[in-house]
């Protein structure tokens, strides 16, 4: 493996990591919204009983 090949592989891995790191806050916010909606549904279901 040449130095250029290693550098290309490392660059690719860093880009993949950065993409993942950028998406995580979005996923976390979506989870918060989903949890809130589940709580609302649970409260609504309790009111029907």
C-alpha atoms as a PDB file:
ATOM      1  CA  UNK A   1       0.000   0.000   0.000  1.00  0.00           C
ATOM      2  CA  UNK A   2       1.516   3.294  -1.060  1.00  0.00           C
ATOM      3  CA  UNK A   3       1.402   6.515   0.925  1.00  0.00           C
ATOM      4  CA  UNK A   4      -1.085   7.947  -1.587  1.00  0.00           C
ATOM      5  CA  UNK A   5      -3.363   4.947  -1.214  1.00  0.00           C
ATOM      6  CA  UNK A   6      -3.218   5.195   2.583  1.00  0.00           C
ATOM      7  CA  UNK A   7      -3.974   8.906   2.409  1.00  0.00           C
ATOM      8  CA  UNK A   8      -6.955   8.292   0.118  1.00  0.00           C
ATOM      9  CA  UNK A   9      -8.286   5.596   2.453  1.00  0.00           C
ATOM     10  CA  UNK A  10      -7.877   7.853   5.484  1.00  0.00           C
ATOM     11  CA  UNK A  11      -9.534  10.750   3.686  1.00  0.00           C
ATOM     12  CA  UNK A  12     -12.502   8.535   2.794  1.00  0.00           C
ATOM     13  CA  UNK A  13     -12.842   7.366   6.400  1.00  0.00           C
ATOM     14  CA  UNK A  14     -12.719  10.935   7.708  1.00  0.00           C
ATOM     15  CA  UNK A  15     -15.409  12.014   5.241  1.00  0.00           C
ATOM     16  CA  UNK A  16     -17.609   9.101   6.283  1.00  0.00           C
ATOM     17  CA  UNK A  17     -17.118  10.002   9.940  1.00  0.00           C
ATOM     18  CA  UNK A  18     -17.895  13.673   9.305  1.00  0.00           C
ATOM     19  CA  UNK A  19     -21.063  12.744   7.453  1.00  0.00           C
ATOM     20  CA  UNK A  20     -22.103  10.549  10.374  1.00  0.00           C
ATOM     21  CA  UNK A  21     -21.276  13.288  12.877  1.00  0.00           C
ATOM     22  CA  UNK A  22     -23.390  15.789  10.916  1.00  0.00           C
ATOM     23  CA  UNK A  23     -26.382  13.433  10.799  1.00  0.00           C
ATOM     24  CA  UNK A  24     -26.403  12.503  14.503  1.00  0.00           C
ATOM     25  CA  UNK A  25     -27.964  15.763  15.781  1.00  0.00           C
ATOM     26  CA  UNK A  26     -30.736  15.318  13.205  1.00  0.00           C
ATOM     27  CA  UNK A  27     -31.352  11.759  14.379  1.00  0.00           C
ATOM     28  CA  UNK A  28     -31.336  12.868  18.019  1.00  0.00           C
ATOM     29  CA  UNK A  29     -33.946  15.548  17.298  1.00  0.00           C
ATOM     30  CA  UNK A  30     -36.101  13.034  15.439  1.00  0.00           C
ATOM     31  CA  UNK A  31     -35.916  10.669  18.423  1.00  0.00           C
ATOM     32  CA  UNK A  32     -37.055  13.474  20.746  1.00  0.00           C
ATOM     33  CA  UNK A  33     -40.046  14.155  18.500  1.00  0.00           C
ATOM     34  CA  UNK A  34     -40.913  10.459  18.284  1.00  0.00           C
ATOM     35  CA  UNK A  35     -40.690  10.049  22.066  1.00  0.00           C
ATOM     36  CA  UNK A  36     -42.952  13.048  22.575  1.00  0.00           C
ATOM     37  CA  UNK A  37     -45.511  11.657  20.126  1.00  0.00           C
ATOM     38  CA  UNK A  38     -45.425   8.277  21.896  1.00  0.00           C
ATOM     39  CA  UNK A  39     -46.021   9.992  25.233  1.00  0.00           C
ATOM     40  CA  UNK A  40     -48.962  11.877  23.735  1.00  0.00           C
ATOM     41  CA  UNK A  41     -50.438   8.652  22.395  1.00  0.00           C
ATOM     42  CA  UNK A  42     -50.010   6.932  25.758  1.00  0.00           C
ATOM     43  CA  UNK A  43     -51.776   9.802  27.512  1.00  0.00           C
ATOM     44  CA  UNK A  44     -54.556   9.746  24.927  1.00  0.00           C
ATOM     45  CA  UNK A  45     -54.979   6.000  25.355  1.00  0.00           C
ATOM     46  CA  UNK A  46     -55.176   6.353  29.150  1.00  0.00           C
ATOM     47  CA  UNK A  47     -57.997   8.854  28.700  1.00  0.00           C
ATOM     48  CA  UNK A  48     -60.018   6.392  26.592  1.00  0.00           C
ATOM     49  CA  UNK A  49     -60.046   3.697  29.278  1.00  0.00           C
END
